[in-house]
Amino acid sequence: MVLGSTGIFPRGGSWAQAASGAYDQHWLTLGQRLVATGQENAVLRGAHEFNGDWFHYGVDQGEVQDFIVSWRR
């Protein structure tokens, strides 16, 4: 099993963009590559510690709805 952590979007991206589906293809491609390389049991922690201000993907008060929508996508 592979354990990794990653942000939901790249530096310069936003929760609003993630909520709109701007990164959906990225996540689909990542999943396909993991399966294709025999890592279908990989565990990814997306945006761990999202409530901290020390990561570029931290969630500010005005981004809560976008965060929720992003996770539902």
C-alpha atoms as a PDB file:
ATOM      1  CA  MET A   1       0.000   0.000   0.000  1.00  0.00           C
ATOM      2  CA  VAL A   2       1.177   3.479  -0.828  1.00  0.00           C
ATOM      3  CA  LEU A   3       0.323   6.296   1.553  1.00  0.00           C
ATOM      4  CA  GLY A   4       0.637   9.833   0.339  1.00  0.00           C
ATOM      5  CA  SER A   5      -0.708  13.279   0.934  1.00  0.00           C
ATOM      6  CA  THR A   6      -1.494  15.894  -1.625  1.00  0.00           C
ATOM      7  CA  GLY A   7      -3.243  19.183  -2.028  1.00  0.00           C
ATOM      8  CA  ILE A   8      -6.531  19.260  -3.884  1.00  0.00           C
ATOM      9  CA  PHE A   9      -5.240  21.903  -6.276  1.00  0.00           C
ATOM     10  CA  PRO A  10      -1.844  23.282  -7.346  1.00  0.00           C
ATOM     11  CA  ARG A  11      -0.301  26.451  -5.962  1.00  0.00           C
ATOM     12  CA  GLY A  12      -2.149  29.359  -7.481  1.00  0.00           C
ATOM     13  CA  GLY A  13      -5.362  27.324  -7.657  1.00  0.00           C
ATOM     14  CA  SER A  14      -8.409  27.839  -5.493  1.00  0.00           C
ATOM     15  CA  TRP A  15     -11.260  26.059  -3.769  1.00  0.00           C
ATOM     16  CA  ALA A  16     -13.642  27.846  -6.143  1.00  0.00           C
ATOM     17  CA  GLN A  17     -11.852  26.312  -9.125  1.00  0.00           C
ATOM     18  CA  ALA A  18     -11.874  22.889  -7.468  1.00  0.00           C
ATOM     19  CA  ALA A  19     -15.599  23.236  -6.762  1.00  0.00           C
ATOM     20  CA  SER A  20     -16.248  24.075 -10.418  1.00  0.00           C
ATOM     21  CA  GLY A  21     -14.535  20.867 -11.567  1.00  0.00           C
ATOM     22  CA  ALA A  22     -11.345  22.459 -12.863  1.00  0.00           C
ATOM     23  CA  TYR A  23      -9.215  19.641 -11.433  1.00  0.00           C
ATOM     24  CA  ASP A  24     -11.504  16.676 -12.120  1.00  0.00           C
ATOM     25  CA  GLN A  25      -9.415  15.476 -15.066  1.00  0.00           C
ATOM     26  CA  HIS A  26      -6.274  15.602 -12.916  1.00  0.00           C
ATOM     27  CA  TRP A  27      -7.851  13.314 -10.309  1.00  0.00           C
ATOM     28  CA  LEU A  28      -9.250  10.951 -12.940  1.00  0.00           C
ATOM     29  CA  THR A  29      -5.818  10.668 -14.565  1.00  0.00           C
ATOM     30  CA  LEU A  30      -4.139  10.088 -11.199  1.00  0.00           C
ATOM     31  CA  GLY A  31      -6.602   7.305 -10.361  1.00  0.00           C
ATOM     32  CA  GLN A  32      -6.096   5.667 -13.747  1.00  0.00           C
ATOM     33  CA  ARG A  33      -2.321   5.796 -13.378  1.00  0.00           C
ATOM     34  CA  LEU A  34      -2.441   4.309  -9.891  1.00  0.00           C
ATOM     35  CA  VAL A  35      -4.582   1.417 -11.120  1.00  0.00           C
ATOM     36  CA  ALA A  36      -2.447   0.919 -14.243  1.00  0.00           C
ATOM     37  CA  THR A  37       0.693   0.612 -12.124  1.00  0.00           C
ATOM     38  CA  GLY A  38      -0.793  -1.843  -9.635  1.00  0.00           C
ATOM     39  CA  GLN A  39      -1.391   0.702  -6.904  1.00  0.00           C
ATOM     40  CA  GLU A  40      -5.177   0.490  -6.798  1.00  0.00           C
ATOM     41  CA  ASN A  41      -5.049   0.150  -3.002  1.00  0.00           C
ATOM     42  CA  ALA A  42      -3.153   3.410  -2.536  1.00  0.00           C
ATOM     43  CA  VAL A  43      -4.442   5.664   0.202  1.00  0.00           C
ATOM     44  CA  LEU A  44      -4.288   9.386  -0.533  1.00  0.00           C
ATOM     45  CA  ARG A  45      -4.920  12.044   2.061  1.00  0.00           C
ATOM     46  CA  GLY A  46      -6.172  15.003   0.107  1.00  0.00           C
ATOM     47  CA  ALA A  47      -5.873  18.386   1.758  1.00  0.00           C
ATOM     48  CA  HIS A  48      -5.047  16.993   5.174  1.00  0.00           C
ATOM     49  CA  GLU A  49      -4.951  19.718   7.827  1.00  0.00           C
ATOM     50  CA  PHE A  50      -7.054  21.917   5.545  1.00  0.00           C
ATOM     51  CA  ASN A  51      -8.000  24.074   8.511  1.00  0.00           C
ATOM     52  CA  GLY A  52      -4.428  25.262   9.006  1.00  0.00           C
ATOM     53  CA  ASP A  53      -3.049  28.393   7.426  1.00  0.00           C
ATOM     54  CA  TRP A  54       0.356  26.824   6.749  1.00  0.00           C
ATOM     55  CA  PHE A  55      -0.756  25.017   3.543  1.00  0.00           C
ATOM     56  CA  HIS A  56      -1.669  26.780   0.297  1.00  0.00           C
ATOM     57  CA  TYR A  57      -4.922  24.834   0.276  1.00  0.00           C
ATOM     58  CA  GLY A  58      -6.081  25.946   3.736  1.00  0.00           C
ATOM     59  CA  VAL A  59      -9.770  26.862   3.877  1.00  0.00           C
ATOM     60  CA  ASP A  60     -10.646  30.434   4.808  1.00  0.00           C
ATOM     61  CA  GLN A  61     -14.065  31.390   6.194  1.00  0.00           C
ATOM     62  CA  GLY A  62     -15.337  32.527   2.792  1.00  0.00           C
ATOM     63  CA  GLU A  63     -14.317  29.249   1.125  1.00  0.00           C
ATOM     64  CA  VAL A  64     -16.258  26.773   3.241  1.00  0.00           C
ATOM     65  CA  GLN A  65     -18.997  26.120   0.640  1.00  0.00           C
ATOM     66  CA  ASP A  66     -16.419  25.656  -2.122  1.00  0.00           C
ATOM     67  CA  PHE A  67     -14.522  23.229   0.111  1.00  0.00           C
ATOM     68  CA  ILE A  68     -17.663  21.178   0.694  1.00  0.00           C
ATOM     69  CA  VAL A  69     -18.552  21.105  -3.000  1.00  0.00           C
ATOM     70  CA  SER A  70     -14.959  20.158  -3.891  1.00  0.00           C
ATOM     71  CA  TRP A  71     -15.024  17.130  -1.609  1.00  0.00           C
ATOM     72  CA  ARG A  72     -18.377  16.031  -2.985  1.00  0.00           C
ATOM     73  CA  ARG A  73     -16.988  16.138  -6.521  1.00  0.00           C
END
